[in-house]
């Protein structure tokens, strides 16, 4: 039985006057790189609304929003169309953020993730905190609740078959939900996963064979070779895995970032793993990315409180690259495949803290990045989602839009 459609409230927010803010890292929620011009950045914040940069983040302008902003999604074919997930629901802009309309109202949402169907961009999905998954098939004009959940942590859409969706949950029912019919029906697919309480933090889908899926959970990495019908434990167990990363050139090579034990690497699709922590000074790794466009493949790792690192030898040795940013908390990171520029955000002491000064120094913040990805049609389209440290470990990254 289908639930009633949710109709939009026609409230328009005008943002024609973009102003110059001073940014405090503790207020950042998401960062998005423009799909066509990778120098264009958008950031969602809890204090300043939507922030926009046209110079790789050197300077920013802001447009006020009526609610805390948690996530931004950019249309894969028309970068002037933006969606913003806020504590007050979902807003949409048709003019690059100059004006916004409410398309799905909510109250006091602490987490809202958005994914756009890569083949049919008029279809948008929203994971709304402890409420459920919503779907719009008309570019946000109307919404329908597809499933109720107690706590959603991760949302994934299969890139080559967008009718298939995955949601990571925990609570009275924990594990993985899958829909094979664009959200009409949902099935718990926990066959082989631990039977006790678990939290699914991350999905990683093999780019060359989307039937192979990895999940990072609070007790290790599990693998499915049949789209989630059956799961088996990989060789990495008994550790809290925050993120899983696949080498796009060789999907048998995997990297896993953990809460306590640093980075692990597998050369055989997860059968065996080795710790690769030489040079890491912080073992809480919540972010991993592989730059295959570089002349020498680079692995990046972001830590919670220890800054940003890179490896030029497949993770055997790590060197710090935080460029003097003290006590940097990095929950996720990404690179621009066209320029190999690395994007990361978090808390550090080198950001301004006064919202109206436009300049000056100040203390860091209390957040960490927890999401990153890129749109299939625009490889420079990246997004990062942040959560406050005071909230705790309540969310992880959604998979690529």
Protein backbone atom coordinates (compact mmCIF):
# COMPACT_ATOMS: atom_id res chain seq x y z
CA UNK A 1 0.00 0.00 0.00
CA UNK A 2 1.41 3.35 -0.99
CA UNK A 3 1.49 6.23 1.42
CA UNK A 4 0.02 9.61 0.49
CA UNK A 5 2.07 12.02 -1.54
CA UNK A 6 3.70 14.92 0.26
CA UNK A 7 3.02 18.19 -1.51
CA UNK A 8 5.54 21.05 -1.42
CA UNK A 9 5.00 24.22 0.53
CA UNK A 10 5.50 27.19 -1.76
CA UNK A 11 7.90 29.18 0.38
CA UNK A 12 10.64 30.87 -1.60
CA UNK A 13 13.91 31.87 -0.02
CA UNK A 14 15.80 34.53 -1.94
CA UNK A 15 19.59 34.58 -1.81
CA UNK A 16 20.42 37.14 -4.45
CA UNK A 17 22.74 38.98 -2.06
CA UNK A 18 25.67 36.61 -1.57
CA UNK A 19 27.78 37.96 1.29
CA UNK A 20 31.33 37.28 2.41
CA UNK A 21 31.41 35.20 5.62
CA UNK A 22 34.16 34.08 7.90
CA UNK A 23 33.81 30.33 8.20
CA UNK A 24 34.05 28.34 11.39
CA UNK A 25 34.68 24.65 10.68
CA UNK A 26 32.35 23.49 13.41
CA UNK A 27 29.39 24.77 11.41
CA UNK A 28 30.15 22.91 8.18
CA UNK A 29 27.85 20.06 7.18
CA UNK A 30 28.64 19.31 3.53
CA UNK A 31 30.91 20.41 0.72
CA UNK A 32 30.15 19.90 -2.97
CA UNK A 33 32.36 20.45 -5.99
CA UNK A 34 30.58 21.73 -9.08
CA UNK A 35 29.96 19.07 -11.76
CA UNK A 36 31.34 21.10 -14.66
CA UNK A 37 33.74 23.59 -13.10
CA UNK A 38 35.65 21.87 -10.32
CA UNK A 39 36.70 25.26 -8.96
CA UNK A 40 33.08 25.82 -7.84
CA UNK A 41 32.38 24.60 -4.33
CA UNK A 42 29.19 24.56 -2.31
CA UNK A 43 29.04 23.98 1.42
CA UNK A 44 26.09 23.36 3.70
CA UNK A 45 26.35 24.80 7.20
CA UNK A 46 24.27 24.97 10.33
CA UNK A 47 24.90 28.69 10.85
CA UNK A 48 25.59 30.34 7.50
CA UNK A 49 23.18 28.50 5.20
CA UNK A 50 24.68 27.66 1.81
CA UNK A 51 28.27 28.71 1.21
CA UNK A 52 29.68 29.06 -2.29
CA UNK A 53 33.24 29.35 -3.56
CA UNK A 54 34.45 29.92 -7.11
CA UNK A 55 38.18 29.59 -6.40
CA UNK A 56 38.68 26.11 -4.91
CA UNK A 57 37.64 27.31 -1.46
CA UNK A 58 40.04 30.25 -1.06
CA UNK A 59 37.12 32.66 -0.59
CA UNK A 60 33.45 32.06 0.13
CA UNK A 61 30.12 33.84 -0.17
CA UNK A 62 26.99 32.86 1.74
CA UNK A 63 23.24 32.78 1.26
CA UNK A 64 21.05 32.50 4.33
CA UNK A 65 18.71 29.53 4.73
CA UNK A 66 15.85 29.17 7.23
CA UNK A 67 17.18 25.92 8.71
CA UNK A 68 20.42 24.06 9.40
CA UNK A 69 21.74 22.56 6.16
CA UNK A 70 23.04 18.98 6.25
CA UNK A 71 23.48 17.89 2.63
CA UNK A 72 23.56 19.21 -0.93
CA UNK A 73 22.89 17.30 -4.15
CA UNK A 74 23.60 18.69 -7.62
CA UNK A 75 21.65 17.63 -10.71
CA UNK A 76 24.04 15.47 -12.80
CA UNK A 77 23.10 17.16 -16.08
CA UNK A 78 22.19 20.70 -15.00
CA UNK A 79 24.46 22.11 -12.28
CA UNK A 80 22.12 25.07 -11.74
CA UNK A 81 19.61 22.69 -10.11
CA UNK A 82 20.47 22.09 -6.45
CA UNK A 83 18.78 20.23 -3.61
CA UNK A 84 19.50 21.04 0.03
CA UNK A 85 18.66 18.70 2.89
CA UNK A 86 18.05 20.73 6.03
CA UNK A 87 16.76 20.29 9.56
CA UNK A 88 13.53 21.76 8.19
CA UNK A 89 13.26 19.44 5.21
CA UNK A 90 14.34 19.57 1.58
CA UNK A 91 14.75 22.75 -0.46
CA UNK A 92 15.35 23.09 -4.19
CA UNK A 93 16.97 25.80 -6.29
CA UNK A 94 16.66 26.16 -10.06
CA UNK A 95 19.13 29.04 -10.36
CA UNK A 96 22.40 27.97 -8.77
CA UNK A 97 21.24 28.76 -5.26
CA UNK A 98 19.95 32.30 -5.76
CA UNK A 99 16.42 31.33 -4.67
CA UNK A 100 15.07 28.24 -2.92
CA UNK A 101 11.65 26.58 -2.64
CA UNK A 102 10.57 24.15 0.07
CA UNK A 103 9.75 20.81 -1.56
CA UNK A 104 9.52 18.47 1.44
CA UNK A 105 8.99 20.02 4.89
CA UNK A 106 10.11 18.40 8.14
CA UNK A 107 10.92 19.55 11.65
CA UNK A 108 14.12 18.98 13.63
CA UNK A 109 15.85 16.56 11.26
CA UNK A 110 19.36 15.72 12.49
CA UNK A 111 20.39 13.73 9.39
CA UNK A 112 19.15 13.98 5.81
CA UNK A 113 20.97 12.34 2.90
CA UNK A 114 20.09 12.82 -0.76
CA UNK A 115 20.82 10.73 -3.85
CA UNK A 116 19.81 11.42 -7.44
CA UNK A 117 19.13 8.64 -9.92
CA UNK A 118 22.15 8.88 -12.29
CA UNK A 119 20.11 7.72 -15.30
CA UNK A 120 16.84 9.54 -14.54
CA UNK A 121 17.75 12.71 -12.62
CA UNK A 122 14.10 13.66 -12.08
CA UNK A 123 14.06 10.83 -9.53
CA UNK A 124 15.47 11.82 -6.15
CA UNK A 125 15.71 9.79 -2.94
CA UNK A 126 16.06 11.17 0.58
CA UNK A 127 17.07 9.29 3.71
CA UNK A 128 15.45 11.23 6.55
CA UNK A 129 17.03 10.43 9.90
CA UNK A 130 14.86 8.13 11.97
CA UNK A 131 11.83 8.68 9.73
CA UNK A 132 12.42 6.78 6.51
CA UNK A 133 13.29 6.91 2.82
CA UNK A 134 11.33 9.27 0.57
CA UNK A 135 11.17 9.37 -3.23
CA UNK A 136 10.26 12.01 -5.78
CA UNK A 137 9.80 11.19 -9.47
CA UNK A 138 9.09 14.75 -10.59
CA UNK A 139 12.22 16.60 -9.53
CA UNK A 140 11.02 17.24 -6.01
CA UNK A 141 7.49 18.49 -6.67
CA UNK A 142 5.86 15.57 -4.89
CA UNK A 143 7.28 13.02 -2.46
CA UNK A 144 6.20 9.60 -1.33
CA UNK A 145 7.43 7.75 1.73
CA UNK A 146 8.80 4.40 0.60
CA UNK A 147 9.85 2.81 3.88
CA UNK A 148 9.91 3.66 7.58
CA UNK A 149 13.13 3.06 9.50
CA UNK A 150 14.26 3.59 13.06
CA UNK A 151 17.74 4.86 12.23
CA UNK A 152 19.37 5.19 8.83
CA UNK A 153 23.13 5.46 8.51
CA UNK A 154 23.94 4.99 4.83
CA UNK A 155 22.10 5.25 1.51
CA UNK A 156 23.34 3.72 -1.74
CA UNK A 157 22.06 3.53 -5.28
CA UNK A 158 23.40 0.99 -7.75
CA UNK A 159 25.05 3.04 -10.52
CA UNK A 160 24.33 0.67 -13.42
CA UNK A 161 20.85 -0.29 -12.18
CA UNK A 162 19.36 2.62 -10.21
CA UNK A 163 16.23 0.61 -9.40
CA UNK A 164 18.34 -1.08 -6.72
CA UNK A 165 18.81 0.82 -3.46
CA UNK A 166 20.56 -0.09 -0.24
CA UNK A 167 20.07 1.40 3.22
CA UNK A 168 22.24 0.72 6.25
CA UNK A 169 20.30 0.78 9.51
CA UNK A 170 20.58 0.05 13.21
CA UNK A 171 18.10 -0.13 16.05
CA UNK A 172 15.48 -2.77 16.84
CA UNK A 173 16.15 -4.03 13.31
CA UNK A 174 19.72 -3.52 12.15
CA UNK A 175 21.66 -4.42 9.04
CA UNK A 176 20.91 -3.82 5.36
CA UNK A 177 17.66 -3.07 3.56
CA UNK A 178 17.43 -3.51 -0.21
CA UNK A 179 14.87 -2.44 -2.76
CA UNK A 180 14.97 -3.92 -6.26
CA UNK A 181 12.04 -1.90 -7.59
CA UNK A 182 12.98 1.74 -7.01
CA UNK A 183 11.78 1.78 -3.43
CA UNK A 184 8.37 0.13 -3.85
CA UNK A 185 9.22 -2.85 -1.67
CA UNK A 186 12.06 -3.49 0.75
CA UNK A 187 13.69 -6.60 2.10
CA UNK A 188 16.06 -7.13 5.00
CA UNK A 189 19.12 -8.84 3.51
CA UNK A 190 21.13 -9.93 6.53
CA UNK A 191 21.86 -13.53 5.49
CA UNK A 192 25.39 -14.10 6.79
CA UNK A 193 25.67 -10.83 8.70
CA UNK A 194 25.99 -10.92 12.50
CA UNK A 195 22.69 -11.69 14.17
CA UNK A 196 23.17 -9.37 17.10
CA UNK A 197 23.05 -5.58 17.11
CA UNK A 198 25.18 -3.99 14.40
CA UNK A 199 25.58 -0.67 12.66
CA UNK A 200 26.28 -0.57 8.92
CA UNK A 201 28.54 2.43 8.41
CA UNK A 202 29.46 2.22 4.75
CA UNK A 203 28.80 0.57 1.40
CA UNK A 204 31.36 0.04 -1.36
CA UNK A 205 30.17 -1.31 -4.72
CA UNK A 206 32.62 -2.90 -7.16
CA UNK A 207 32.79 -0.48 -10.13
CA UNK A 208 33.41 -3.34 -12.55
CA UNK A 209 30.87 -5.80 -11.13
CA UNK A 210 28.08 -4.17 -9.16
CA UNK A 211 26.89 -7.52 -7.79
CA UNK A 212 29.93 -7.43 -5.52
CA UNK A 213 29.27 -5.23 -2.51
CA UNK A 214 31.22 -4.63 0.68
CA UNK A 215 29.81 -3.27 3.91
CA UNK A 216 31.80 -1.78 6.74
CA UNK A 217 30.15 -2.51 10.07
CA UNK A 218 31.11 -2.21 13.70
CA UNK A 219 32.60 -5.72 13.67
CA UNK A 220 34.51 -5.78 10.38
CA UNK A 221 34.02 -5.98 6.62
CA UNK A 222 31.47 -8.28 5.00
CA UNK A 223 31.17 -9.12 1.31
CA UNK A 224 28.40 -10.17 -1.05
CA UNK A 225 28.89 -11.43 -4.60
CA UNK A 226 25.19 -11.69 -5.40
CA UNK A 227 23.96 -8.16 -4.79
CA UNK A 228 23.36 -8.69 -1.09
CA UNK A 229 21.48 -12.00 -1.10
CA UNK A 230 24.25 -13.61 0.92
CA UNK A 231 27.06 -12.11 2.97
CA UNK A 232 30.29 -13.64 4.17
CA UNK A 233 32.83 -12.32 6.61
CA UNK A 234 36.05 -11.23 5.00
CA UNK A 235 39.37 -11.73 6.73
CA UNK A 236 38.91 -8.45 8.61
CA UNK A 237 36.77 -8.97 11.71
CA UNK A 238 36.62 -7.83 15.34
CA UNK A 239 37.26 -4.17 14.51
CA UNK A 240 34.95 -1.22 13.96
CA UNK A 241 35.19 -0.38 10.24
CA UNK A 242 34.15 3.17 9.38
CA UNK A 243 34.92 3.22 5.67
CA UNK A 244 35.70 0.82 2.82
CA UNK A 245 37.41 1.87 -0.40
CA UNK A 246 37.92 -0.07 -3.65
CA UNK A 247 40.78 0.56 -6.07
CA UNK A 248 38.92 1.43 -9.32
CA UNK A 249 41.69 -0.06 -11.47
CA UNK A 250 41.87 -3.35 -9.57
CA UNK A 251 38.73 -4.16 -7.53
CA UNK A 252 40.55 -6.97 -5.72
CA UNK A 253 42.52 -4.27 -3.89
CA UNK A 254 40.58 -2.96 -0.91
CA UNK A 255 41.31 -0.50 1.87
CA UNK A 256 39.45 -0.28 5.17
CA UNK A 257 39.63 2.55 7.69
CA UNK A 258 38.88 1.62 11.29
CA UNK A 259 38.00 3.42 14.48
CA UNK A 260 40.90 2.08 16.53
CA UNK A 261 43.32 0.13 14.34
CA UNK A 262 44.25 2.39 11.44
CA UNK A 263 44.19 1.21 7.83
CA UNK A 264 44.01 -2.33 6.49
CA UNK A 265 44.65 -3.47 2.92
CA UNK A 266 43.56 -6.56 1.01
CA UNK A 267 45.01 -7.74 -2.32
CA UNK A 268 42.56 -10.58 -2.86
CA UNK A 269 39.04 -9.20 -2.56
CA UNK A 270 38.99 -9.27 1.22
CA UNK A 271 40.20 -12.82 1.87
CA UNK A 272 43.22 -11.62 3.82
CA UNK A 273 44.21 -8.22 5.18
CA UNK A 274 47.37 -6.58 6.46
CA UNK A 275 47.73 -3.48 8.61
CA UNK A 276 49.45 -0.62 6.75
CA UNK A 277 50.05 2.05 9.36
CA UNK A 278 53.71 3.05 9.04
CA UNK A 279 53.80 6.83 9.37
CA UNK A 280 50.23 7.22 10.64
CA UNK A 281 50.11 9.05 13.94
CA UNK A 282 46.40 8.53 14.53
CA UNK A 283 44.65 5.16 14.24
CA UNK A 284 41.08 6.48 13.91
CA UNK A 285 40.71 6.54 10.12
CA UNK A 286 37.32 7.55 8.78
CA UNK A 287 38.30 8.54 5.25
CA UNK A 288 40.04 6.80 2.36
CA UNK A 289 40.37 7.64 -1.33
CA UNK A 290 42.43 6.34 -4.24
CA UNK A 291 43.68 8.75 -6.92
CA UNK A 292 44.19 6.63 -10.03
CA UNK A 293 44.69 9.69 -12.26
CA UNK A 294 48.00 10.60 -10.68
CA UNK A 295 51.19 9.54 -12.46
CA UNK A 296 51.94 7.48 -9.38
CA UNK A 297 48.78 6.15 -7.71
CA UNK A 298 48.15 8.00 -4.46
CA UNK A 299 46.20 6.71 -1.46
CA UNK A 300 44.76 9.33 0.89
CA UNK A 301 43.68 8.78 4.50
CA UNK A 302 41.84 11.18 6.78
CA UNK A 303 41.93 10.70 10.54
CA UNK A 304 39.86 11.93 13.45
CA UNK A 305 42.15 14.39 15.17
CA UNK A 306 45.43 13.48 13.47
CA UNK A 307 45.08 15.21 10.12
CA UNK A 308 45.44 14.10 6.52
CA UNK A 309 47.95 11.60 5.13
CA UNK A 310 48.97 10.23 1.75
CA UNK A 311 50.89 7.21 0.52
CA UNK A 312 52.80 6.87 -2.75
CA UNK A 313 53.49 3.16 -2.37
CA UNK A 314 50.11 1.54 -1.89
CA UNK A 315 49.85 2.31 1.80
CA UNK A 316 53.19 0.87 2.89
CA UNK A 317 54.31 4.27 4.12
CA UNK A 318 52.29 7.37 5.01
CA UNK A 319 53.32 11.01 5.19
CA UNK A 320 51.33 13.86 6.73
CA UNK A 321 49.97 16.43 4.27
CA UNK A 322 47.85 18.62 6.53
CA UNK A 323 50.04 21.65 5.74
CA UNK A 324 50.16 22.98 9.27
CA UNK A 325 46.46 22.63 10.08
CA UNK A 326 46.57 21.69 13.75
CA UNK A 327 44.49 18.87 15.20
CA UNK A 328 42.61 18.37 11.96
CA UNK A 329 39.65 16.02 12.19
CA UNK A 330 38.98 14.44 8.80
CA UNK A 331 36.03 12.08 8.51
CA UNK A 332 36.20 11.73 4.75
CA UNK A 333 38.00 13.11 1.74
CA UNK A 334 37.99 13.08 -2.03
CA UNK A 335 40.05 14.25 -4.95
CA UNK A 336 39.16 15.93 -8.22
CA UNK A 337 40.00 13.35 -10.92
CA UNK A 338 40.72 16.14 -13.41
CA UNK A 339 43.20 18.08 -11.31
CA UNK A 340 44.10 15.59 -8.52
CA UNK A 341 43.19 18.29 -6.01
CA UNK A 342 42.27 16.77 -2.65
CA UNK A 343 39.26 18.05 -0.73
CA UNK A 344 38.89 17.57 3.00
CA UNK A 345 37.29 19.49 5.83
CA UNK A 346 37.02 19.20 9.56
CA UNK A 347 38.12 20.97 12.69
CA UNK A 348 41.38 22.82 12.84
CA UNK A 349 42.64 26.01 14.43
CA UNK A 350 43.36 27.98 11.27
CA UNK A 351 39.81 28.99 10.30
CA UNK A 352 38.07 32.27 11.19
CA UNK A 353 35.45 32.02 13.91
CA UNK A 354 33.53 35.32 13.77
CA UNK A 355 30.65 35.12 11.27
CA UNK A 356 30.54 38.82 10.42
CA UNK A 357 34.18 39.87 10.36
CA UNK A 358 35.16 38.47 6.98
CA UNK A 359 38.69 37.87 8.24
CA UNK A 360 40.65 36.95 11.28
CA UNK A 361 41.67 33.84 13.14
CA UNK A 362 39.91 31.67 15.59
CA UNK A 363 39.41 28.31 17.11
CA UNK A 364 38.43 25.17 15.37
CA UNK A 365 35.13 23.39 15.65
CA UNK A 366 33.41 20.22 16.68
CA UNK A 367 32.58 18.34 13.52
CA UNK A 368 33.98 15.75 11.18
CA UNK A 369 33.34 14.93 7.55
CA UNK A 370 31.37 11.74 7.12
CA UNK A 371 30.50 11.48 3.45
CA UNK A 372 32.10 11.74 0.06
CA UNK A 373 31.36 10.66 -3.48
CA UNK A 374 31.06 11.73 -7.08
CA UNK A 375 28.40 11.66 -9.75
CA UNK A 376 28.98 9.05 -12.49
CA UNK A 377 28.35 11.52 -15.31
CA UNK A 378 30.61 14.21 -13.87
CA UNK A 379 33.74 12.75 -12.34
CA UNK A 380 34.67 16.05 -10.71
CA UNK A 381 31.36 16.20 -8.82
CA UNK A 382 32.20 15.46 -5.20
CA UNK A 383 30.30 15.80 -1.98
CA UNK A 384 31.23 15.61 1.68
CA UNK A 385 28.86 15.30 4.62
CA UNK A 386 29.83 16.30 8.15
CA UNK A 387 28.37 15.53 11.55
CA UNK A 388 28.99 17.14 14.91
CA UNK A 389 31.26 15.39 17.38
CA UNK A 390 28.82 16.24 20.15
CA UNK A 391 26.22 14.08 18.39
CA UNK A 392 28.59 11.13 18.31
CA UNK A 393 29.08 8.38 15.76
CA UNK A 394 25.58 8.49 14.34
CA UNK A 395 26.19 8.52 10.63
CA UNK A 396 28.52 7.58 7.86
CA UNK A 397 28.81 8.34 4.21
CA UNK A 398 26.24 7.70 1.56
CA UNK A 399 27.48 5.98 -1.57
CA UNK A 400 28.09 7.85 -4.81
CA UNK A 401 25.03 9.62 -6.16
